[in-house]
């Protein structure tokens, strides 16, 4: 938001609010996947943890819902004027499927704790991909607007 406003954008611009929602949605599974992986260690160190209140299955289901919300928010970006290129928009679809597919792996009965770390890496990779897509689309859009 600071960069947006310092570059001349309005603080209450709908596009900025949509980006803030996307990053808000991302941070929840980002943290909860860490809780799934290290929650018991937090408790052993005397720190409060969500894993003390909910079991891993409950946290996993909630995390998957948040992953799905990130995907929906990412796919909705063109409707708010944040993505202009149809090619770039179509690149969001496999990325969304990729995150959801790795999210479904969390539902396995014989899940290894390293699976949480892999899902953590994938959700972070997805948000990084979204930032690259948004930046590249904006650059391409500005270049094509200046061409005669």
N, C-alpha and C. Protein backbone atom coordinates (compact mmCIF):
# COMPACT_ATOMS: atom_id res chain seq x y z
N UNK A 1 0.83 -1.19 0.00
CA UNK A 1 0.00 0.00 0.00
C UNK A 1 0.87 1.25 0.00
N UNK A 2 1.99 1.20 0.73
CA UNK A 2 2.88 2.36 0.78
C UNK A 2 3.45 2.65 -0.61
N UNK A 3 3.90 1.59 -1.29
CA UNK A 3 4.44 1.76 -2.63
C UNK A 3 3.39 2.26 -3.60
N UNK A 4 2.18 1.76 -3.47
CA UNK A 4 1.07 2.16 -4.36
C UNK A 4 0.81 3.65 -4.21
N UNK A 5 0.70 4.12 -2.97
CA UNK A 5 0.38 5.52 -2.72
C UNK A 5 1.57 6.41 -3.10
N UNK A 6 2.79 5.96 -2.80
CA UNK A 6 3.95 6.79 -3.14
C UNK A 6 4.15 6.88 -4.65
N UNK A 7 3.63 5.92 -5.40
CA UNK A 7 3.71 5.97 -6.87
C UNK A 7 2.58 6.78 -7.48
N UNK A 8 1.73 7.35 -6.63
CA UNK A 8 0.68 8.22 -7.14
C UNK A 8 -0.71 7.63 -7.09
N UNK A 9 -0.85 6.40 -6.61
CA UNK A 9 -2.16 5.78 -6.53
C UNK A 9 -2.94 6.27 -5.32
N UNK A 10 -4.23 6.13 -5.38
CA UNK A 10 -5.09 6.54 -4.27
C UNK A 10 -5.14 5.44 -3.21
N UNK A 11 -5.18 5.85 -1.96
CA UNK A 11 -5.18 4.90 -0.85
C UNK A 11 -6.41 4.01 -0.87
N UNK A 12 -7.55 4.53 -1.28
CA UNK A 12 -8.78 3.75 -1.28
C UNK A 12 -9.18 3.29 -2.68
N UNK A 13 -8.19 3.12 -3.54
CA UNK A 13 -8.41 2.58 -4.88
C UNK A 13 -8.84 1.13 -4.75
N UNK A 14 -9.85 0.73 -5.49
CA UNK A 14 -10.36 -0.64 -5.43
C UNK A 14 -9.28 -1.66 -5.75
N UNK A 15 -8.42 -1.33 -6.71
CA UNK A 15 -7.36 -2.27 -7.09
C UNK A 15 -6.40 -2.51 -5.92
N UNK A 16 -6.08 -1.46 -5.18
CA UNK A 16 -5.21 -1.61 -4.01
C UNK A 16 -5.89 -2.46 -2.95
N UNK A 17 -7.17 -2.24 -2.73
CA UNK A 17 -7.90 -3.02 -1.73
C UNK A 17 -7.95 -4.49 -2.12
N UNK A 18 -8.11 -4.78 -3.41
CA UNK A 18 -8.12 -6.17 -3.87
C UNK A 18 -6.76 -6.82 -3.65
N UNK A 19 -5.69 -6.09 -3.92
CA UNK A 19 -4.34 -6.62 -3.65
C UNK A 19 -4.13 -6.87 -2.16
N UNK A 20 -4.62 -5.96 -1.34
CA UNK A 20 -4.49 -6.14 0.11
C UNK A 20 -5.27 -7.38 0.57
N UNK A 21 -6.43 -7.61 -0.01
CA UNK A 21 -7.21 -8.81 0.32
C UNK A 21 -6.45 -10.06 -0.09
N UNK A 22 -5.83 -10.04 -1.27
CA UNK A 22 -5.05 -11.19 -1.73
C UNK A 22 -3.93 -11.50 -0.75
N UNK A 23 -3.20 -10.49 -0.32
CA UNK A 23 -2.10 -10.73 0.62
C UNK A 23 -2.60 -11.11 2.00
N UNK A 24 -3.74 -10.58 2.40
CA UNK A 24 -4.32 -11.00 3.67
C UNK A 24 -4.69 -12.48 3.62
N UNK A 25 -5.35 -12.88 2.53
CA UNK A 25 -5.74 -14.29 2.40
C UNK A 25 -4.52 -15.21 2.38
N UNK A 26 -3.44 -14.76 1.79
CA UNK A 26 -2.23 -15.57 1.71
C UNK A 26 -1.59 -15.79 3.07
N UNK A 27 -1.59 -14.77 3.92
CA UNK A 27 -0.84 -14.88 5.17
C UNK A 27 -1.44 -15.90 6.13
N UNK A 28 -2.72 -16.16 6.04
CA UNK A 28 -3.35 -17.11 6.97
C UNK A 28 -2.87 -18.54 6.73
N UNK A 29 -2.98 -19.10 5.51
CA UNK A 29 -2.45 -20.45 5.33
C UNK A 29 -0.93 -20.49 5.45
N UNK A 30 -0.27 -19.40 5.12
CA UNK A 30 1.18 -19.31 5.30
C UNK A 30 1.53 -19.60 6.76
N UNK A 31 0.82 -18.97 7.67
CA UNK A 31 1.08 -19.17 9.09
C UNK A 31 0.57 -20.53 9.57
N UNK A 32 -0.63 -20.93 9.16
CA UNK A 32 -1.20 -22.18 9.66
C UNK A 32 -0.43 -23.40 9.19
N UNK A 33 0.17 -23.32 8.01
CA UNK A 33 1.02 -24.44 7.57
C UNK A 33 2.26 -24.54 8.45
N UNK A 34 2.76 -23.41 8.92
CA UNK A 34 3.86 -23.45 9.88
C UNK A 34 3.40 -24.05 11.21
N UNK A 35 2.18 -23.74 11.61
CA UNK A 35 1.63 -24.31 12.84
C UNK A 35 1.49 -25.82 12.70
N UNK A 36 1.03 -26.27 11.53
CA UNK A 36 0.90 -27.71 11.31
C UNK A 36 2.26 -28.40 11.39
N UNK A 37 3.27 -27.75 10.90
CA UNK A 37 4.61 -28.35 10.88
C UNK A 37 5.31 -28.21 12.22
N UNK A 38 5.21 -27.05 12.86
CA UNK A 38 6.00 -26.76 14.06
C UNK A 38 5.17 -26.48 15.31
N UNK A 39 3.85 -26.70 15.25
CA UNK A 39 2.98 -26.37 16.38
C UNK A 39 3.35 -27.06 17.67
N UNK A 40 3.68 -28.32 17.60
CA UNK A 40 4.07 -29.05 18.82
C UNK A 40 5.36 -28.49 19.40
N UNK A 41 6.27 -28.09 18.53
CA UNK A 41 7.52 -27.50 19.01
C UNK A 41 7.26 -26.16 19.70
N UNK A 42 6.31 -25.38 19.17
CA UNK A 42 5.94 -24.13 19.82
C UNK A 42 5.41 -24.40 21.22
N UNK A 43 4.54 -25.40 21.33
CA UNK A 43 3.97 -25.74 22.63
C UNK A 43 5.04 -26.24 23.59
N UNK A 44 5.96 -27.07 23.10
CA UNK A 44 7.04 -27.57 23.95
C UNK A 44 7.94 -26.45 24.45
N UNK A 45 8.03 -25.37 23.68
CA UNK A 45 8.83 -24.22 24.08
C UNK A 45 8.05 -23.28 25.00
N UNK A 46 6.79 -23.61 25.27
CA UNK A 46 5.96 -22.79 26.15
C UNK A 46 5.23 -21.67 25.44
N UNK A 47 5.22 -21.69 24.11
CA UNK A 47 4.53 -20.66 23.35
C UNK A 47 3.12 -21.13 23.00
N UNK A 48 2.16 -20.22 23.00
CA UNK A 48 0.80 -20.64 22.61
C UNK A 48 0.76 -21.00 21.14
N UNK A 49 -0.07 -21.98 20.83
CA UNK A 49 -0.18 -22.42 19.44
C UNK A 49 -1.60 -22.87 19.17
N UNK A 50 -2.02 -22.67 17.94
CA UNK A 50 -3.35 -23.10 17.53
C UNK A 50 -3.49 -24.62 17.62
N UNK A 51 -2.37 -25.33 17.52
CA UNK A 51 -2.42 -26.79 17.57
C UNK A 51 -2.82 -27.29 18.96
N UNK A 52 -2.80 -26.41 19.94
CA UNK A 52 -3.28 -26.78 21.27
C UNK A 52 -4.79 -26.76 21.37
N UNK A 53 -5.43 -26.03 20.47
CA UNK A 53 -6.88 -25.89 20.48
C UNK A 53 -7.57 -26.80 19.47
N UNK A 54 -6.92 -26.99 18.31
CA UNK A 54 -7.51 -27.77 17.24
C UNK A 54 -6.55 -28.91 16.87
N UNK A 55 -7.12 -29.99 16.36
CA UNK A 55 -6.23 -31.06 15.90
C UNK A 55 -5.77 -30.77 14.47
N UNK A 56 -4.80 -31.55 14.01
CA UNK A 56 -4.22 -31.31 12.69
C UNK A 56 -5.25 -31.40 11.57
N UNK A 57 -6.21 -32.29 11.71
CA UNK A 57 -7.24 -32.42 10.68
C UNK A 57 -8.09 -31.17 10.56
N UNK A 58 -8.44 -30.59 11.69
CA UNK A 58 -9.24 -29.37 11.66
C UNK A 58 -8.45 -28.21 11.07
N UNK A 59 -7.19 -28.07 11.47
CA UNK A 59 -6.36 -27.00 10.94
C UNK A 59 -6.15 -27.19 9.44
N UNK A 60 -5.98 -28.44 9.02
CA UNK A 60 -5.79 -28.74 7.60
C UNK A 60 -7.00 -28.33 6.79
N UNK A 61 -8.19 -28.66 7.26
CA UNK A 61 -9.41 -28.30 6.53
C UNK A 61 -9.58 -26.79 6.44
N UNK A 62 -9.32 -26.10 7.53
CA UNK A 62 -9.43 -24.64 7.53
C UNK A 62 -8.39 -24.04 6.58
N UNK A 63 -7.19 -24.59 6.61
CA UNK A 63 -6.12 -24.09 5.74
C UNK A 63 -6.49 -24.28 4.28
N UNK A 64 -7.09 -25.42 3.94
CA UNK A 64 -7.48 -25.66 2.56
C UNK A 64 -8.54 -24.66 2.09
N UNK A 65 -9.46 -24.31 2.97
CA UNK A 65 -10.48 -23.32 2.62
C UNK A 65 -9.81 -21.98 2.31
N UNK A 66 -8.81 -21.61 3.10
CA UNK A 66 -8.09 -20.36 2.85
C UNK A 66 -7.28 -20.45 1.56
N UNK A 67 -6.72 -21.62 1.26
CA UNK A 67 -6.01 -21.80 -0.01
C UNK A 67 -6.98 -21.60 -1.18
N UNK A 68 -8.17 -22.16 -1.06
CA UNK A 68 -9.17 -21.97 -2.11
C UNK A 68 -9.56 -20.50 -2.24
N UNK A 69 -9.62 -19.79 -1.13
CA UNK A 69 -9.95 -18.36 -1.18
C UNK A 69 -8.86 -17.57 -1.88
N UNK A 70 -7.60 -17.95 -1.68
CA UNK A 70 -6.50 -17.28 -2.38
C UNK A 70 -6.64 -17.48 -3.88
N UNK A 71 -6.96 -18.70 -4.27
CA UNK A 71 -7.11 -19.02 -5.69
C UNK A 71 -8.24 -18.21 -6.30
N UNK A 72 -9.37 -18.13 -5.62
CA UNK A 72 -10.50 -17.36 -6.13
C UNK A 72 -10.12 -15.88 -6.24
N UNK A 73 -9.46 -15.37 -5.22
CA UNK A 73 -9.03 -13.96 -5.27
C UNK A 73 -8.05 -13.72 -6.40
N UNK A 74 -7.14 -14.65 -6.62
CA UNK A 74 -6.18 -14.51 -7.72
C UNK A 74 -6.85 -14.55 -9.08
N UNK A 75 -7.82 -15.42 -9.23
CA UNK A 75 -8.52 -15.52 -10.51
C UNK A 75 -9.46 -14.34 -10.75
N UNK A 76 -9.80 -13.62 -9.70
CA UNK A 76 -10.69 -12.46 -9.83
C UNK A 76 -9.95 -11.16 -10.16
N UNK A 77 -8.63 -11.18 -10.16
CA UNK A 77 -7.86 -9.96 -10.39
C UNK A 77 -8.22 -9.22 -11.69
N UNK A 78 -8.46 -9.91 -12.80
CA UNK A 78 -8.81 -9.17 -14.03
C UNK A 78 -10.12 -8.39 -13.92
N UNK A 79 -11.02 -8.84 -13.09
CA UNK A 79 -12.31 -8.17 -12.94
C UNK A 79 -12.18 -6.83 -12.23
N UNK A 80 -11.04 -6.60 -11.61
CA UNK A 80 -10.79 -5.34 -10.92
C UNK A 80 -9.75 -4.48 -11.64
N UNK A 81 -9.42 -4.86 -12.87
CA UNK A 81 -8.51 -4.06 -13.68
C UNK A 81 -7.05 -4.24 -13.33
N UNK A 82 -6.69 -5.32 -12.66
CA UNK A 82 -5.29 -5.53 -12.29
C UNK A 82 -4.53 -6.36 -13.31
N UNK A 83 -5.24 -7.10 -14.15
CA UNK A 83 -4.61 -7.89 -15.20
C UNK A 83 -5.34 -7.58 -16.49
N UNK A 84 -4.56 -7.26 -17.52
CA UNK A 84 -5.14 -6.86 -18.80
C UNK A 84 -4.94 -7.90 -19.90
N UNK A 85 -3.86 -8.63 -19.85
CA UNK A 85 -3.52 -9.57 -20.91
C UNK A 85 -4.25 -10.90 -20.71
N UNK A 86 -4.95 -11.37 -21.74
CA UNK A 86 -5.62 -12.68 -21.63
C UNK A 86 -4.61 -13.83 -21.47
N UNK A 87 -3.45 -13.68 -22.07
CA UNK A 87 -2.42 -14.73 -21.93
C UNK A 87 -1.95 -14.83 -20.49
N UNK A 88 -1.72 -13.69 -19.87
CA UNK A 88 -1.29 -13.71 -18.47
C UNK A 88 -2.41 -14.22 -17.58
N UNK A 89 -3.64 -13.84 -17.88
CA UNK A 89 -4.75 -14.35 -17.09
C UNK A 89 -4.84 -15.86 -17.20
N UNK A 90 -4.66 -16.38 -18.39
CA UNK A 90 -4.71 -17.84 -18.56
C UNK A 90 -3.58 -18.55 -17.83
N UNK A 91 -2.47 -17.86 -17.59
CA UNK A 91 -1.38 -18.48 -16.82
C UNK A 91 -1.76 -18.63 -15.34
N UNK A 92 -2.75 -17.88 -14.91
CA UNK A 92 -3.19 -17.99 -13.51
C UNK A 92 -3.94 -19.30 -13.26
N UNK A 93 -4.58 -19.82 -14.27
CA UNK A 93 -5.40 -21.03 -14.09
C UNK A 93 -4.55 -22.24 -13.70
N UNK A 94 -3.46 -22.56 -14.43
CA UNK A 94 -2.65 -23.69 -13.99
C UNK A 94 -1.97 -23.44 -12.64
N UNK A 95 -1.61 -22.19 -12.37
CA UNK A 95 -1.00 -21.88 -11.07
C UNK A 95 -2.00 -22.13 -9.94
N UNK A 96 -3.25 -21.75 -10.16
CA UNK A 96 -4.30 -21.98 -9.16
C UNK A 96 -4.54 -23.48 -8.97
N UNK A 97 -4.58 -24.21 -10.06
CA UNK A 97 -4.77 -25.66 -9.97
C UNK A 97 -3.61 -26.31 -9.24
N UNK A 98 -2.42 -25.81 -9.48
CA UNK A 98 -1.21 -26.33 -8.83
C UNK A 98 -1.30 -26.17 -7.31
N UNK A 99 -1.69 -25.00 -6.85
CA UNK A 99 -1.80 -24.76 -5.40
C UNK A 99 -2.89 -25.63 -4.79
N UNK A 100 -4.03 -25.72 -5.45
CA UNK A 100 -5.11 -26.54 -4.91
C UNK A 100 -4.74 -28.03 -4.90
N UNK A 101 -4.04 -28.47 -5.93
CA UNK A 101 -3.62 -29.87 -5.97
C UNK A 101 -2.69 -30.20 -4.81
N UNK A 102 -1.73 -29.33 -4.55
CA UNK A 102 -0.85 -29.56 -3.40
C UNK A 102 -1.61 -29.41 -2.09
N UNK A 103 -2.62 -28.58 -2.07
CA UNK A 103 -3.45 -28.45 -0.88
C UNK A 103 -4.22 -29.72 -0.57
N UNK A 104 -4.68 -30.42 -1.62
CA UNK A 104 -5.41 -31.66 -1.38
C UNK A 104 -4.51 -32.75 -0.83
N UNK A 105 -3.22 -32.66 -1.05
CA UNK A 105 -2.29 -33.65 -0.49
C UNK A 105 -2.25 -33.60 1.03
N UNK A 106 -2.71 -32.51 1.60
CA UNK A 106 -2.73 -32.38 3.05
C UNK A 106 -3.78 -33.28 3.69
N UNK A 107 -4.71 -33.79 2.90
CA UNK A 107 -5.78 -34.62 3.43
C UNK A 107 -5.43 -36.09 3.50
N UNK A 108 -4.24 -36.46 3.12
CA UNK A 108 -3.85 -37.87 3.18
C UNK A 108 -3.79 -38.34 4.64
N UNK A 109 -4.14 -39.59 4.84
CA UNK A 109 -4.14 -40.13 6.21
C UNK A 109 -2.73 -40.39 6.72
N UNK A 110 -1.83 -40.74 5.83
CA UNK A 110 -0.47 -41.06 6.22
C UNK A 110 0.48 -39.90 5.92
N UNK A 111 0.02 -38.68 6.20
CA UNK A 111 0.80 -37.50 5.84
C UNK A 111 2.06 -37.40 6.70
N UNK A 112 3.13 -37.09 6.04
CA UNK A 112 4.40 -36.88 6.73
C UNK A 112 4.51 -35.39 7.06
N UNK A 113 5.10 -35.03 8.19
CA UNK A 113 5.20 -33.60 8.54
C UNK A 113 5.89 -32.75 7.47
N UNK A 114 6.74 -33.34 6.67
CA UNK A 114 7.40 -32.55 5.62
C UNK A 114 6.41 -32.11 4.54
N UNK A 115 5.25 -32.76 4.45
CA UNK A 115 4.23 -32.36 3.48
C UNK A 115 3.70 -30.96 3.80
N UNK A 116 3.65 -30.62 5.08
CA UNK A 116 3.22 -29.29 5.45
C UNK A 116 4.23 -28.25 4.97
N UNK A 117 5.49 -28.58 5.08
CA UNK A 117 6.52 -27.67 4.62
C UNK A 117 6.47 -27.52 3.09
N UNK A 118 6.18 -28.60 2.38
CA UNK A 118 6.05 -28.51 0.92
C UNK A 118 4.85 -27.64 0.54
N UNK A 119 3.74 -27.80 1.23
CA UNK A 119 2.57 -26.96 0.96
C UNK A 119 2.90 -25.50 1.28
N UNK A 120 3.65 -25.28 2.34
CA UNK A 120 4.09 -23.93 2.71
C UNK A 120 4.91 -23.32 1.57
N UNK A 121 5.82 -24.09 1.02
CA UNK A 121 6.63 -23.60 -0.10
C UNK A 121 5.77 -23.31 -1.32
N UNK A 122 4.77 -24.14 -1.55
CA UNK A 122 3.93 -23.95 -2.73
C UNK A 122 3.04 -22.72 -2.59
N UNK A 123 2.50 -22.48 -1.43
CA UNK A 123 1.65 -21.29 -1.25
C UNK A 123 2.51 -20.03 -1.36
N UNK A 124 3.74 -20.08 -0.87
CA UNK A 124 4.64 -18.94 -1.02
C UNK A 124 5.08 -18.77 -2.47
N UNK A 125 5.30 -19.88 -3.16
CA UNK A 125 5.62 -19.82 -4.59
C UNK A 125 4.47 -19.23 -5.39
N UNK A 126 3.25 -19.55 -4.99
CA UNK A 126 2.08 -19.02 -5.68
C UNK A 126 2.00 -17.51 -5.52
N UNK A 127 2.22 -17.01 -4.31
CA UNK A 127 2.11 -15.56 -4.11
C UNK A 127 3.26 -14.85 -4.82
N UNK A 128 4.42 -15.47 -4.88
CA UNK A 128 5.53 -14.90 -5.63
C UNK A 128 5.18 -14.86 -7.12
N UNK A 129 4.60 -15.95 -7.61
CA UNK A 129 4.16 -16.00 -9.00
C UNK A 129 3.14 -14.89 -9.28
N UNK A 130 2.23 -14.68 -8.36
CA UNK A 130 1.21 -13.64 -8.54
C UNK A 130 1.87 -12.26 -8.62
N UNK A 131 2.88 -12.00 -7.80
CA UNK A 131 3.56 -10.71 -7.85
C UNK A 131 4.28 -10.52 -9.18
N UNK A 132 4.92 -11.58 -9.67
CA UNK A 132 5.61 -11.50 -10.96
C UNK A 132 4.61 -11.28 -12.08
N UNK A 133 3.49 -12.00 -12.04
CA UNK A 133 2.46 -11.85 -13.06
C UNK A 133 1.89 -10.43 -13.05
N UNK A 134 1.60 -9.91 -11.89
CA UNK A 134 1.05 -8.56 -11.81
C UNK A 134 2.04 -7.52 -12.33
N UNK A 135 3.30 -7.67 -11.97
CA UNK A 135 4.31 -6.72 -12.43
C UNK A 135 4.51 -6.81 -13.94
N UNK A 136 4.63 -8.04 -14.45
CA UNK A 136 4.87 -8.19 -15.88
C UNK A 136 3.66 -7.74 -16.70
N UNK A 137 2.46 -8.02 -16.22
CA UNK A 137 1.27 -7.56 -16.93
C UNK A 137 1.22 -6.04 -16.96
N UNK A 138 1.54 -5.42 -15.86
CA UNK A 138 1.51 -3.96 -15.79
C UNK A 138 2.55 -3.36 -16.74
N UNK A 139 3.74 -3.94 -16.79
CA UNK A 139 4.79 -3.46 -17.69
C UNK A 139 4.34 -3.62 -19.14
N UNK A 140 3.82 -4.80 -19.48
CA UNK A 140 3.37 -5.04 -20.85
C UNK A 140 2.22 -4.10 -21.22
N UNK A 141 1.31 -3.87 -20.31
CA UNK A 141 0.18 -2.99 -20.57
C UNK A 141 0.65 -1.55 -20.83
N UNK A 142 1.59 -1.08 -20.03
CA UNK A 142 2.10 0.29 -20.20
C UNK A 142 2.86 0.43 -21.52
N UNK A 143 3.61 -0.59 -21.90
CA UNK A 143 4.35 -0.55 -23.16
C UNK A 143 3.38 -0.51 -24.34
N UNK A 144 2.37 -1.36 -24.31
CA UNK A 144 1.42 -1.41 -25.43
C UNK A 144 0.57 -0.15 -25.51
N UNK A 145 0.33 0.52 -24.40
CA UNK A 145 -0.46 1.75 -24.41
C UNK A 145 0.32 2.90 -25.04
N UNK A 146 1.66 2.86 -24.96
CA UNK A 146 2.47 3.93 -25.52
C UNK A 146 2.77 3.73 -26.99
N UNK A 147 2.54 2.52 -27.50
CA UNK A 147 2.79 2.26 -28.91
C UNK A 147 1.67 2.86 -29.76
N UNK A 148 2.04 3.40 -30.93
CA UNK A 148 0.99 4.00 -31.79
C UNK A 148 0.14 2.96 -32.46
